[in-house]
């Protein structure tokens, strides 16, 4: 789970949090490259386990390193 104090530690000069859902999913965008990362706290096998999805532009689909979208995992 992502705590508010953890999100406050992001470099505000580089990242902008564009969405934070129930402390489980956080979406950030780079102010420099406009790349987007959706960070999903999977909570398994450890509470700190995360899956990171990435897109190069807001119009591109978000995929992880094995080619899955966030919706494939649900």
PDB file of N, CA and C in Angstrom:
ATOM      1  N   UNK A   1       0.846  -1.169   0.000  1.00  0.00           N
ATOM      2  CA  UNK A   1       0.000   0.000   0.000  1.00  0.00           C
ATOM      3  C   UNK A   1       0.897   1.240   0.000  1.00  0.00           C
ATOM      4  N   UNK A   2       0.493   2.233  -0.748  1.00  0.00           N
ATOM      5  CA  UNK A   2       1.245   3.477  -0.826  1.00  0.00           C
ATOM      6  C   UNK A   2       0.692   4.462   0.195  1.00  0.00           C
ATOM      7  N   UNK A   3       1.554   4.956   1.033  1.00  0.00           N
ATOM      8  CA  UNK A   3       1.163   5.929   2.049  1.00  0.00           C
ATOM      9  C   UNK A   3       1.343   7.339   1.484  1.00  0.00           C
ATOM     10  N   UNK A   4       0.588   8.284   2.013  1.00  0.00           N
ATOM     11  CA  UNK A   4       0.664   9.673   1.548  1.00  0.00           C
ATOM     12  C   UNK A   4       2.074  10.228   1.691  1.00  0.00           C
ATOM     13  N   UNK A   5       2.765   9.882   2.778  1.00  0.00           N
ATOM     14  CA  UNK A   5       4.123  10.406   2.975  1.00  0.00           C
ATOM     15  C   UNK A   5       5.094   9.858   1.933  1.00  0.00           C
ATOM     16  N   UNK A   6       4.852   8.641   1.432  1.00  0.00           N
ATOM     17  CA  UNK A   6       5.700   8.086   0.369  1.00  0.00           C
ATOM     18  C   UNK A   6       5.490   8.841  -0.941  1.00  0.00           C
ATOM     19  N   UNK A   7       4.252   9.162  -1.245  1.00  0.00           N
ATOM     20  CA  UNK A   7       3.959   9.909  -2.475  1.00  0.00           C
ATOM     21  C   UNK A   7       4.536  11.321  -2.406  1.00  0.00           C
ATOM     22  N   UNK A   8       4.600  11.896  -1.204  1.00  0.00           N
ATOM     23  CA  UNK A   8       5.171  13.232  -1.036  1.00  0.00           C
ATOM     24  C   UNK A   8       6.674  13.256  -1.328  1.00  0.00           C
ATOM     25  N   UNK A   9       7.333  12.098  -1.261  1.00  0.00           N
ATOM     26  CA  UNK A   9       8.777  12.026  -1.496  1.00  0.00           C
ATOM     27  C   UNK A   9       9.148  12.024  -2.971  1.00  0.00           C
ATOM     28  N   UNK A  10       8.161  11.886  -3.860  1.00  0.00           N
ATOM     29  CA  UNK A  10       8.456  11.950  -5.299  1.00  0.00           C
ATOM     30  C   UNK A  10       8.987  13.333  -5.653  1.00  0.00           C
ATOM     31  N   UNK A  11       9.933  13.381  -6.556  1.00  0.00           N
ATOM     32  CA  UNK A  11      10.515  14.647  -6.997  1.00  0.00           C
ATOM     33  C   UNK A  11       9.460  15.428  -7.786  1.00  0.00           C
ATOM     34  N   UNK A  12       8.930  16.474  -7.187  1.00  0.00           N
ATOM     35  CA  UNK A  12       7.859  17.268  -7.815  1.00  0.00           C
ATOM     36  C   UNK A  12       8.348  18.058  -9.028  1.00  0.00           C
ATOM     37  N   UNK A  13       9.668  18.223  -9.153  1.00  0.00           N
ATOM     38  CA  UNK A  13      10.210  18.885 -10.336  1.00  0.00           C
ATOM     39  C   UNK A  13      10.179  17.971 -11.555  1.00  0.00           C
ATOM     40  N   UNK A  14      10.120  16.675 -11.334  1.00  0.00           N
ATOM     41  CA  UNK A  14      10.166  15.718 -12.435  1.00  0.00           C
ATOM     42  C   UNK A  14       8.863  14.956 -12.607  1.00  0.00           C
ATOM     43  N   UNK A  15       8.206  14.574 -11.512  1.00  0.00           N
ATOM     44  CA  UNK A  15       6.999  13.752 -11.577  1.00  0.00           C
ATOM     45  C   UNK A  15       5.764  14.506 -11.110  1.00  0.00           C
ATOM     46  N   UNK A  16       4.644  14.129 -11.692  1.00  0.00           N
ATOM     47  CA  UNK A  16       3.349  14.605 -11.230  1.00  0.00           C
ATOM     48  C   UNK A  16       2.470  13.381 -11.014  1.00  0.00           C
ATOM     49  N   UNK A  17       1.869  13.277  -9.837  1.00  0.00           N
ATOM     50  CA  UNK A  17       0.925  12.195  -9.580  1.00  0.00           C
ATOM     51  C   UNK A  17      -0.377  12.584 -10.258  1.00  0.00           C
ATOM     52  N   UNK A  18      -0.821  11.775 -11.221  1.00  0.00           N
ATOM     53  CA  UNK A  18      -2.056  12.113 -11.924  1.00  0.00           C
ATOM     54  C   UNK A  18      -3.236  11.296 -11.419  1.00  0.00           C
ATOM     55  N   UNK A  19      -2.930  10.232 -10.651  1.00  0.00           N
ATOM     56  CA  UNK A  19      -4.015   9.440 -10.084  1.00  0.00           C
ATOM     57  C   UNK A  19      -3.470   8.567  -8.965  1.00  0.00           C
ATOM     58  N   UNK A  20      -4.186   8.495  -7.859  1.00  0.00           N
ATOM     59  CA  UNK A  20      -3.848   7.603  -6.755  1.00  0.00           C
ATOM     60  C   UNK A  20      -5.154   6.974  -6.271  1.00  0.00           C
ATOM     61  N   UNK A  21      -5.282   5.668  -6.466  1.00  0.00           N
ATOM     62  CA  UNK A  21      -6.525   4.963  -6.136  1.00  0.00           C
ATOM     63  C   UNK A  21      -6.342   4.063  -4.920  1.00  0.00           C
ATOM     64  N   UNK A  22      -7.044   4.334  -3.866  1.00  0.00           N
ATOM     65  CA  UNK A  22      -7.111   3.455  -2.699  1.00  0.00           C
ATOM     66  C   UNK A  22      -5.748   2.994  -2.197  1.00  0.00           C
ATOM     67  N   UNK A  23      -4.718   3.795  -2.392  1.00  0.00           N
ATOM     68  CA  UNK A  23      -3.364   3.476  -1.957  1.00  0.00           C
ATOM     69  C   UNK A  23      -2.829   2.194  -2.591  1.00  0.00           C
ATOM     70  N   UNK A  24      -3.461   1.710  -3.663  1.00  0.00           N
ATOM     71  CA  UNK A  24      -3.026   0.477  -4.333  1.00  0.00           C
ATOM     72  C   UNK A  24      -2.454   0.793  -5.711  1.00  0.00           C
ATOM     73  N   UNK A  25      -3.088   1.671  -6.458  1.00  0.00           N
ATOM     74  CA  UNK A  25      -2.621   2.060  -7.785  1.00  0.00           C
ATOM     75  C   UNK A  25      -2.242   3.535  -7.778  1.00  0.00           C
ATOM     76  N   UNK A  26      -1.044   3.819  -8.294  1.00  0.00           N
ATOM     77  CA  UNK A  26      -0.584   5.196  -8.422  1.00  0.00           C
ATOM     78  C   UNK A  26      -0.126   5.384  -9.858  1.00  0.00           C
ATOM     79  N   UNK A  27      -0.573   6.453 -10.493  1.00  0.00           N
ATOM     80  CA  UNK A  27      -0.145   6.775 -11.846  1.00  0.00           C
ATOM     81  C   UNK A  27       0.599   8.099 -11.799  1.00  0.00           C
ATOM     82  N   UNK A  28       1.829   8.077 -12.328  1.00  0.00           N
ATOM     83  CA  UNK A  28       2.643   9.290 -12.369  1.00  0.00           C
ATOM     84  C   UNK A  28       3.044   9.576 -13.808  1.00  0.00           C
ATOM     85  N   UNK A  29       3.289  10.843 -14.092  1.00  0.00           N
ATOM     86  CA  UNK A  29       3.731  11.257 -15.418  1.00  0.00           C
ATOM     87  C   UNK A  29       4.998  12.096 -15.263  1.00  0.00           C
ATOM     88  N   UNK A  30       5.934  11.888 -16.166  1.00  0.00           N
ATOM     89  CA  UNK A  30       7.162  12.674 -16.173  1.00  0.00           C
ATOM     90  C   UNK A  30       6.863  14.039 -16.781  1.00  0.00           C
ATOM     91  N   UNK A  31       7.230  15.084 -16.087  1.00  0.00           N
ATOM     92  CA  UNK A  31       7.054  16.430 -16.630  1.00  0.00           C
ATOM     93  C   UNK A  31       8.038  16.693 -17.771  1.00  0.00           C
ATOM     94  N   UNK A  32       9.108  15.907 -17.835  1.00  0.00           N
ATOM     95  CA  UNK A  32      10.128  16.080 -18.851  1.00  0.00           C
ATOM     96  C   UNK A  32       9.790  15.305 -20.132  1.00  0.00           C
ATOM     97  N   UNK A  33       9.584  13.996 -20.020  1.00  0.00           N
ATOM     98  CA  UNK A  33       9.387  13.145 -21.202  1.00  0.00           C
ATOM     99  C   UNK A  33       7.930  12.867 -21.520  1.00  0.00           C
ATOM    100  N   UNK A  34       7.035  13.131 -20.572  1.00  0.00           N
ATOM    101  CA  UNK A  34       5.606  12.826 -20.660  1.00  0.00           C
ATOM    102  C   UNK A  34       5.349  11.320 -20.639  1.00  0.00           C
ATOM    103  N   UNK A  35       6.350  10.514 -20.266  1.00  0.00           N
ATOM    104  CA  UNK A  35       6.129   9.079 -20.071  1.00  0.00           C
ATOM    105  C   UNK A  35       5.257   8.895 -18.845  1.00  0.00           C
ATOM    106  N   UNK A  36       4.467   7.813 -18.866  1.00  0.00           N
ATOM    107  CA  UNK A  36       3.524   7.536 -17.790  1.00  0.00           C
ATOM    108  C   UNK A  36       3.841   6.184 -17.178  1.00  0.00           C
ATOM    109  N   UNK A  37       3.781   6.113 -15.855  1.00  0.00           N
ATOM    110  CA  UNK A  37       3.944   4.851 -15.142  1.00  0.00           C
ATOM    111  C   UNK A  37       2.740   4.629 -14.251  1.00  0.00           C
ATOM    112  N   UNK A  38       2.146   3.453 -14.354  1.00  0.00           N
ATOM    113  CA  UNK A  38       1.112   3.013 -13.428  1.00  0.00           C
ATOM    114  C   UNK A  38       1.788   1.994 -12.523  1.00  0.00           C
ATOM    115  N   UNK A  39       1.822   2.269 -11.235  1.00  0.00           N
ATOM    116  CA  UNK A  39       2.463   1.380 -10.265  1.00  0.00           C
ATOM    117  C   UNK A  39       1.352   0.733  -9.454  1.00  0.00           C
ATOM    118  N   UNK A  40       1.252  -0.587  -9.581  1.00  0.00           N
ATOM    119  CA  UNK A  40       0.201  -1.352  -8.898  1.00  0.00           C
ATOM    120  C   UNK A  40       0.828  -2.128  -7.751  1.00  0.00           C
ATOM    121  N   UNK A  41       0.361  -1.893  -6.551  1.00  0.00           N
ATOM    122  CA  UNK A  41       0.825  -2.646  -5.389  1.00  0.00           C
ATOM    123  C   UNK A  41       0.058  -3.957  -5.366  1.00  0.00           C
ATOM    124  N   UNK A  42       0.723  -5.026  -5.800  1.00  0.00           N
ATOM    125  CA  UNK A  42       0.073  -6.329  -5.906  1.00  0.00           C
ATOM    126  C   UNK A  42      -0.192  -6.954  -4.533  1.00  0.00           C
ATOM    127  N   UNK A  43       0.635  -6.619  -3.544  1.00  0.00           N
ATOM    128  CA  UNK A  43       0.424  -7.144  -2.205  1.00  0.00           C
ATOM    129  C   UNK A  43       0.766  -8.616  -2.053  1.00  0.00           C
ATOM    130  N   UNK A  44       1.319  -9.230  -3.088  1.00  0.00           N
ATOM    131  CA  UNK A  44       1.679 -10.647  -3.032  1.00  0.00           C
ATOM    132  C   UNK A  44       2.932 -10.863  -3.847  1.00  0.00           C
ATOM    133  N   UNK A  45       3.907 -11.575  -3.427  1.00  0.00           N
ATOM    134  CA  UNK A  45       3.987 -12.377  -2.207  1.00  0.00           C
ATOM    135  C   UNK A  45       4.274 -11.562  -0.955  1.00  0.00           C
ATOM    136  N   UNK A  46       4.713 -10.308  -1.120  1.00  0.00           N
ATOM    137  CA  UNK A  46       4.921  -9.432   0.037  1.00  0.00           C
ATOM    138  C   UNK A  46       4.112  -8.166  -0.182  1.00  0.00           C
ATOM    139  N   UNK A  47       3.797  -7.479   0.903  1.00  0.00           N
ATOM    140  CA  UNK A  47       2.991  -6.262   0.787  1.00  0.00           C
ATOM    141  C   UNK A  47       3.662  -5.206  -0.072  1.00  0.00           C
ATOM    142  N   UNK A  48       5.004  -5.220  -0.130  1.00  0.00           N
ATOM    143  CA  UNK A  48       5.743  -4.228  -0.911  1.00  0.00           C
ATOM    144  C   UNK A  48       5.858  -4.599  -2.389  1.00  0.00           C
ATOM    145  N   UNK A  49       5.322  -5.748  -2.807  1.00  0.00           N
ATOM    146  CA  UNK A  49       5.445  -6.198  -4.198  1.00  0.00           C
ATOM    147  C   UNK A  49       4.632  -5.304  -5.125  1.00  0.00           C
ATOM    148  N   UNK A  50       5.277  -4.851  -6.207  1.00  0.00           N
ATOM    149  CA  UNK A  50       4.619  -3.957  -7.159  1.00  0.00           C
ATOM    150  C   UNK A  50       4.805  -4.461  -8.580  1.00  0.00           C
ATOM    151  N   UNK A  51       3.850  -4.119  -9.422  1.00  0.00           N
ATOM    152  CA  UNK A  51       3.948  -4.330 -10.856  1.00  0.00           C
ATOM    153  C   UNK A  51       3.945  -2.947 -11.474  1.00  0.00           C
ATOM    154  N   UNK A  52       4.897  -2.685 -12.385  1.00  0.00           N
ATOM    155  CA  UNK A  52       5.019  -1.364 -12.995  1.00  0.00           C
ATOM    156  C   UNK A  52       4.633  -1.468 -14.466  1.00  0.00           C
ATOM    157  N   UNK A  53       3.695  -0.639 -14.881  1.00  0.00           N
ATOM    158  CA  UNK A  53       3.270  -0.530 -16.272  1.00  0.00           C
ATOM    159  C   UNK A  53       3.784   0.803 -16.805  1.00  0.00           C
ATOM    160  N   UNK A  54       4.063   0.865 -18.106  1.00  0.00           N
ATOM    161  CA  UNK A  54       4.694   2.052 -18.668  1.00  0.00           C
ATOM    162  C   UNK A  54       4.110   2.370 -20.037  1.00  0.00           C
ATOM    163  N   UNK A  55       3.977   3.653 -20.329  1.00  0.00           N
ATOM    164  CA  UNK A  55       3.571   4.110 -21.662  1.00  0.00           C
ATOM    165  C   UNK A  55       4.439   5.304 -22.030  1.00  0.00           C
ATOM    166  N   UNK A  56       4.737   5.438 -23.313  1.00  0.00           N
ATOM    167  CA  UNK A  56       5.584   6.544 -23.761  1.00  0.00           C
ATOM    168  C   UNK A  56       4.818   7.840 -23.916  1.00  0.00           C
ATOM    169  N   UNK A  57       3.553   7.757 -24.207  1.00  0.00           N
ATOM    170  CA  UNK A  57       2.717   8.943 -24.372  1.00  0.00           C
ATOM    171  C   UNK A  57       1.348   8.678 -23.767  1.00  0.00           C
ATOM    172  N   UNK A  58       0.627   9.717 -23.348  1.00  0.00           N
ATOM    173  CA  UNK A  58      -0.705   9.493 -22.774  1.00  0.00           C
ATOM    174  C   UNK A  58      -1.655   8.720 -23.691  1.00  0.00           C
ATOM    175  N   UNK A  59      -1.502   8.822 -25.002  1.00  0.00           N
ATOM    176  CA  UNK A  59      -2.407   8.124 -25.925  1.00  0.00           C
ATOM    177  C   UNK A  59      -2.020   6.664 -26.149  1.00  0.00           C
ATOM    178  N   UNK A  60      -0.825   6.250 -25.692  1.00  0.00           N
ATOM    179  CA  UNK A  60      -0.357   4.876 -25.900  1.00  0.00           C
ATOM    180  C   UNK A  60      -0.915   3.958 -24.823  1.00  0.00           C
ATOM    181  N   UNK A  61      -1.137   2.686 -25.173  1.00  0.00           N
ATOM    182  CA  UNK A  61      -1.574   1.745 -24.139  1.00  0.00           C
ATOM    183  C   UNK A  61      -0.462   1.515 -23.118  1.00  0.00           C
ATOM    184  N   UNK A  62      -0.864   1.303 -21.879  1.00  0.00           N
ATOM    185  CA  UNK A  62       0.100   1.044 -20.818  1.00  0.00           C
ATOM    186  C   UNK A  62       0.344  -0.461 -20.759  1.00  0.00           C
ATOM    187  N   UNK A  63       1.626  -0.873 -20.831  1.00  0.00           N
ATOM    188  CA  UNK A  63       1.958  -2.294 -20.754  1.00  0.00           C
ATOM    189  C   UNK A  63       3.106  -2.504 -19.778  1.00  0.00           C
ATOM    190  N   UNK A  64       3.221  -3.746 -19.275  1.00  0.00           N
ATOM    191  CA  UNK A  64       4.362  -4.047 -18.406  1.00  0.00           C
ATOM    192  C   UNK A  64       5.417  -4.780 -19.215  1.00  0.00           C
ATOM    193  N   UNK A  65       6.455  -5.254 -18.544  1.00  0.00           N
ATOM    194  CA  UNK A  65       7.595  -5.837 -19.237  1.00  0.00           C
ATOM    195  C   UNK A  65       7.275  -7.134 -19.970  1.00  0.00           C
ATOM    196  N   UNK A  66       6.165  -7.787 -19.643  1.00  0.00           N
ATOM    197  CA  UNK A  66       5.801  -9.022 -20.351  1.00  0.00           C
ATOM    198  C   UNK A  66       4.632  -8.794 -21.307  1.00  0.00           C
ATOM    199  N   UNK A  67       4.341  -7.544 -21.603  1.00  0.00           N
ATOM    200  CA  UNK A  67       3.336  -7.224 -22.604  1.00  0.00           C
ATOM    201  C   UNK A  67       1.902  -7.256 -22.116  1.00  0.00           C
ATOM    202  N   UNK A  68       1.685  -7.240 -20.804  1.00  0.00           N
ATOM    203  CA  UNK A  68       0.333  -7.245 -20.269  1.00  0.00           C
ATOM    204  C   UNK A  68      -0.114  -5.819 -19.970  1.00  0.00           C
ATOM    205  N   UNK A  69      -1.395  -5.573 -20.136  1.00  0.00           N
ATOM    206  CA  UNK A  69      -1.968  -4.303 -19.692  1.00  0.00           C
ATOM    207  C   UNK A  69      -2.441  -4.502 -18.260  1.00  0.00           C
ATOM    208  N   UNK A  70      -2.719  -3.417 -17.524  1.00  0.00           N
ATOM    209  CA  UNK A  70      -3.219  -3.572 -16.160  1.00  0.00           C
ATOM    210  C   UNK A  70      -4.512  -4.378 -16.112  1.00  0.00           C
ATOM    211  N   UNK A  71      -5.297  -4.333 -17.157  1.00  0.00           N
ATOM    212  CA  UNK A  71      -6.582  -5.009 -17.160  1.00  0.00           C
ATOM    213  C   UNK A  71      -6.464  -6.506 -17.422  1.00  0.00           C
ATOM    214  N   UNK A  72      -5.322  -6.959 -17.981  1.00  0.00           N
ATOM    215  CA  UNK A  72      -5.094  -8.391 -18.195  1.00  0.00           C
ATOM    216  C   UNK A  72      -4.887  -9.116 -16.876  1.00  0.00           C
ATOM    217  N   UNK A  73      -4.457  -8.427 -15.846  1.00  0.00           N
ATOM    218  CA  UNK A  73      -4.098  -9.060 -14.586  1.00  0.00           C
ATOM    219  C   UNK A  73      -5.279  -9.188 -13.647  1.00  0.00           C
ATOM    220  N   UNK A  74      -6.412  -8.626 -13.965  1.00  0.00           N
ATOM    221  CA  UNK A  74      -7.556  -8.653 -13.023  1.00  0.00           C
ATOM    222  C   UNK A  74      -8.425  -9.841 -13.279  1.00  0.00           C
TER     223      UNK A  74
END
